[in-house]
Amino acid sequence: MRRSKVAKQTSFNSPLKAAKLENSCKKPELDDKSSVKESSDTDEKQKLVSEISQFQEKIESLSSQGFSEENYRRYLNLMHDYNDVKDLASAYLGHLATLKQCTVRELYIQHGLDPEHD
């Protein structure tokens, strides 16, 4: 008995095969979460663009009043230098007070400095 190369059609349809066909034919649906995410991304982008615009306006306003980034950086460097000198002076006064066996407050008074000024 020879078998035919032509497959016999049967009346049995596999439910797995039917499910694969149904899924492949369906159009992808957007769920609510993805549309909400896109909406929130757009809102966030608009908020950031608005903030950038406000900062640019503030920069222009300060520039027109004579402020510049160069002056600001110079001011910051001077403040750092001032704080470094102040720290060194405090350390020096602390060592001097130890050597003289007195308090830093007493040294401030002896040298005409305001003990309440920091």
C-alpha atoms as a PDB file:
ATOM      1  CA  MET A   1       0.000   0.000   0.000  1.00  0.00           C
ATOM      2  CA  ARG A   2       1.450   3.246  -1.098  1.00  0.00           C
ATOM      3  CA  ARG A   3       0.927   6.365   0.730  1.00  0.00           C
ATOM      4  CA  SER A   4       0.018   9.399  -1.206  1.00  0.00           C
ATOM      5  CA  LYS A   5       2.196  12.466  -0.888  1.00  0.00           C
ATOM      6  CA  VAL A   6      -0.896  14.598  -0.775  1.00  0.00           C
ATOM      7  CA  ALA A   7      -1.957  15.212   2.795  1.00  0.00           C
ATOM      8  CA  LYS A   8      -5.448  14.239   3.660  1.00  0.00           C
ATOM      9  CA  GLN A   9      -7.670  16.976   4.929  1.00  0.00           C
ATOM     10  CA  THR A  10      -9.381  16.206   8.117  1.00  0.00           C
ATOM     11  CA  SER A  11     -12.289  17.879   9.745  1.00  0.00           C
ATOM     12  CA  PHE A  12     -10.306  18.432  12.966  1.00  0.00           C
ATOM     13  CA  ASN A  13      -9.045  21.974  13.470  1.00  0.00           C
ATOM     14  CA  SER A  14      -6.560  22.507  16.247  1.00  0.00           C
ATOM     15  CA  PRO A  15      -7.607  25.242  18.707  1.00  0.00           C
ATOM     16  CA  LEU A  16      -3.959  26.323  18.911  1.00  0.00           C
ATOM     17  CA  LYS A  17      -3.814  26.861  15.176  1.00  0.00           C
ATOM     18  CA  ALA A  18      -7.050  28.836  15.269  1.00  0.00           C
ATOM     19  CA  ALA A  19      -5.761  31.023  18.109  1.00  0.00           C
ATOM     20  CA  LYS A  20      -2.567  31.771  16.177  1.00  0.00           C
ATOM     21  CA  LEU A  21      -4.599  32.844  13.160  1.00  0.00           C
ATOM     22  CA  GLU A  22      -6.864  35.072  15.264  1.00  0.00           C
ATOM     23  CA  ASN A  23      -3.954  36.783  16.995  1.00  0.00           C
ATOM     24  CA  SER A  24      -2.081  37.391  13.777  1.00  0.00           C
ATOM     25  CA  CYS A  25      -5.085  39.086  12.206  1.00  0.00           C
ATOM     26  CA  LYS A  26      -5.883  41.429  15.075  1.00  0.00           C
ATOM     27  CA  LYS A  27      -4.774  45.017  14.892  1.00  0.00           C
ATOM     28  CA  PRO A  28      -2.717  46.113  17.859  1.00  0.00           C
ATOM     29  CA  GLU A  29      -4.781  48.172  20.242  1.00  0.00           C
ATOM     30  CA  LEU A  30      -3.354  51.056  22.222  1.00  0.00           C
ATOM     31  CA  ASP A  31      -4.043  50.627  25.850  1.00  0.00           C
ATOM     32  CA  ASP A  32      -4.947  53.573  28.023  1.00  0.00           C
ATOM     33  CA  LYS A  33      -1.599  53.497  29.835  1.00  0.00           C
ATOM     34  CA  SER A  34       0.449  54.159  26.697  1.00  0.00           C
ATOM     35  CA  SER A  35      -1.750  57.069  25.624  1.00  0.00           C
ATOM     36  CA  VAL A  36      -1.587  58.522  29.149  1.00  0.00           C
ATOM     37  CA  LYS A  37       2.202  58.141  29.129  1.00  0.00           C
ATOM     38  CA  GLU A  38       2.453  59.926  25.782  1.00  0.00           C
ATOM     39  CA  SER A  39       0.213  62.683  27.120  1.00  0.00           C
ATOM     40  CA  SER A  40       2.279  63.103  30.286  1.00  0.00           C
ATOM     41  CA  ASP A  41       5.499  63.126  28.238  1.00  0.00           C
ATOM     42  CA  THR A  42       4.070  65.891  26.074  1.00  0.00           C
ATOM     43  CA  ASP A  43       2.957  67.862  29.140  1.00  0.00           C
ATOM     44  CA  GLU A  44       6.388  67.456  30.732  1.00  0.00           C
ATOM     45  CA  LYS A  45       8.099  68.571  27.526  1.00  0.00           C
ATOM     46  CA  GLN A  46       5.897  71.675  27.328  1.00  0.00           C
ATOM     47  CA  LYS A  47       6.619  72.460  30.995  1.00  0.00           C
ATOM     48  CA  LEU A  48      10.381  72.173  30.403  1.00  0.00           C
ATOM     49  CA  VAL A  49      10.209  74.378  27.303  1.00  0.00           C
ATOM     50  CA  SER A  50       8.296  76.955  29.356  1.00  0.00           C
ATOM     51  CA  GLU A  51      10.917  76.844  32.136  1.00  0.00           C
ATOM     52  CA  ILE A  52      13.745  77.293  29.615  1.00  0.00           C
ATOM     53  CA  SER A  53      11.958  80.296  28.181  1.00  0.00           C
ATOM     54  CA  GLN A  54      11.548  81.824  31.650  1.00  0.00           C
ATOM     55  CA  PHE A  55      15.236  81.297  32.436  1.00  0.00           C
ATOM     56  CA  GLN A  56      16.258  82.901  29.141  1.00  0.00           C
ATOM     57  CA  GLU A  57      14.089  85.919  29.924  1.00  0.00           C
ATOM     58  CA  LYS A  58      15.638  86.184  33.398  1.00  0.00           C
ATOM     59  CA  ILE A  59      19.166  85.992  31.916  1.00  0.00           C
ATOM     60  CA  GLU A  60      18.319  88.739  29.419  1.00  0.00           C
ATOM     61  CA  SER A  61      16.859  90.881  32.215  1.00  0.00           C
ATOM     62  CA  LEU A  62      19.948  90.487  34.411  1.00  0.00           C
ATOM     63  CA  SER A  63      22.265  91.144  31.461  1.00  0.00           C
ATOM     64  CA  SER A  64      20.426  94.373  30.685  1.00  0.00           C
ATOM     65  CA  GLN A  65      20.927  95.438  34.333  1.00  0.00           C
ATOM     66  CA  GLY A  66      24.700  95.015  33.991  1.00  0.00           C
ATOM     67  CA  PHE A  67      25.124  91.564  35.502  1.00  0.00           C
ATOM     68  CA  SER A  68      27.302  89.105  33.631  1.00  0.00           C
ATOM     69  CA  GLU A  69      28.493  85.568  34.119  1.00  0.00           C
ATOM     70  CA  GLU A  70      32.097  86.805  34.197  1.00  0.00           C
ATOM     71  CA  ASN A  71      31.346  89.165  37.123  1.00  0.00           C
ATOM     72  CA  TYR A  72      29.473  86.413  38.925  1.00  0.00           C
ATOM     73  CA  ARG A  73      32.398  83.986  38.592  1.00  0.00           C
ATOM     74  CA  ARG A  74      34.828  86.688  39.792  1.00  0.00           C
ATOM     75  CA  TYR A  75      32.586  87.356  42.808  1.00  0.00           C
ATOM     76  CA  LEU A  76      32.457  83.626  43.653  1.00  0.00           C
ATOM     77  CA  ASN A  77      36.252  83.333  43.456  1.00  0.00           C
ATOM     78  CA  LEU A  78      36.659  86.339  45.753  1.00  0.00           C
ATOM     79  CA  MET A  79      34.217  84.809  48.240  1.00  0.00           C
ATOM     80  CA  HIS A  80      36.190  81.545  48.219  1.00  0.00           C
ATOM     81  CA  ASP A  81      39.417  83.451  48.856  1.00  0.00           C
ATOM     82  CA  TYR A  82      37.779  85.415  51.685  1.00  0.00           C
ATOM     83  CA  ASN A  83      36.500  82.229  53.338  1.00  0.00           C
ATOM     84  CA  ASP A  84      39.923  80.577  53.050  1.00  0.00           C
ATOM     85  CA  VAL A  85      41.616  83.559  54.757  1.00  0.00           C
ATOM     86  CA  LYS A  86      38.934  83.652  57.442  1.00  0.00           C
ATOM     87  CA  ASP A  87      39.404  79.923  58.141  1.00  0.00           C
ATOM     88  CA  LEU A  88      43.177  80.385  58.422  1.00  0.00           C
ATOM     89  CA  ALA A  89      42.737  83.332  60.807  1.00  0.00           C
ATOM     90  CA  SER A  90      40.377  81.285  62.988  1.00  0.00           C
ATOM     91  CA  ALA A  91      42.858  78.412  63.103  1.00  0.00           C
ATOM     92  CA  TYR A  92      45.694  80.837  63.932  1.00  0.00           C
ATOM     93  CA  LEU A  93      43.696  82.411  66.759  1.00  0.00           C
ATOM     94  CA  GLY A  94      42.840  78.949  68.094  1.00  0.00           C
ATOM     95  CA  HIS A  95      46.533  77.966  68.218  1.00  0.00           C
ATOM     96  CA  LEU A  96      47.480  81.309  69.755  1.00  0.00           C
ATOM     97  CA  ALA A  97      44.800  80.884  72.432  1.00  0.00           C
ATOM     98  CA  THR A  98      46.183  77.450  73.234  1.00  0.00           C
ATOM     99  CA  LEU A  99      49.721  78.827  73.565  1.00  0.00           C
ATOM    100  CA  LYS A 100      48.586  81.720  75.773  1.00  0.00           C
ATOM    101  CA  GLN A 101      46.297  79.411  77.733  1.00  0.00           C
ATOM    102  CA  CYS A 102      43.232  81.582  77.223  1.00  0.00           C
ATOM    103  CA  THR A 103      40.020  81.415  75.224  1.00  0.00           C
ATOM    104  CA  VAL A 104      39.612  82.597  71.650  1.00  0.00           C
ATOM    105  CA  ARG A 105      36.999  85.028  72.933  1.00  0.00           C
ATOM    106  CA  GLU A 106      39.588  86.659  75.203  1.00  0.00           C
ATOM    107  CA  LEU A 107      41.953  86.982  72.217  1.00  0.00           C
ATOM    108  CA  TYR A 108      39.225  88.678  70.205  1.00  0.00           C
ATOM    109  CA  ILE A 109      38.755  91.236  72.997  1.00  0.00           C
ATOM    110  CA  GLN A 110      42.525  91.760  73.416  1.00  0.00           C
ATOM    111  CA  HIS A 111      42.944  92.499  69.698  1.00  0.00           C
ATOM    112  CA  GLY A 112      39.873  94.716  69.412  1.00  0.00           C
ATOM    113  CA  LEU A 113      37.754  92.223  67.481  1.00  0.00           C
ATOM    114  CA  ASP A 114      34.062  91.680  68.006  1.00  0.00           C
ATOM    115  CA  PRO A 115      33.714  88.275  69.745  1.00  0.00           C
ATOM    116  CA  GLU A 116      30.125  87.935  68.489  1.00  0.00           C
ATOM    117  CA  HIS A 117      31.097  88.438  64.844  1.00  0.00           C
ATOM    118  CA  ASP A 118      31.745  85.225  63.054  1.00  0.00           C
END
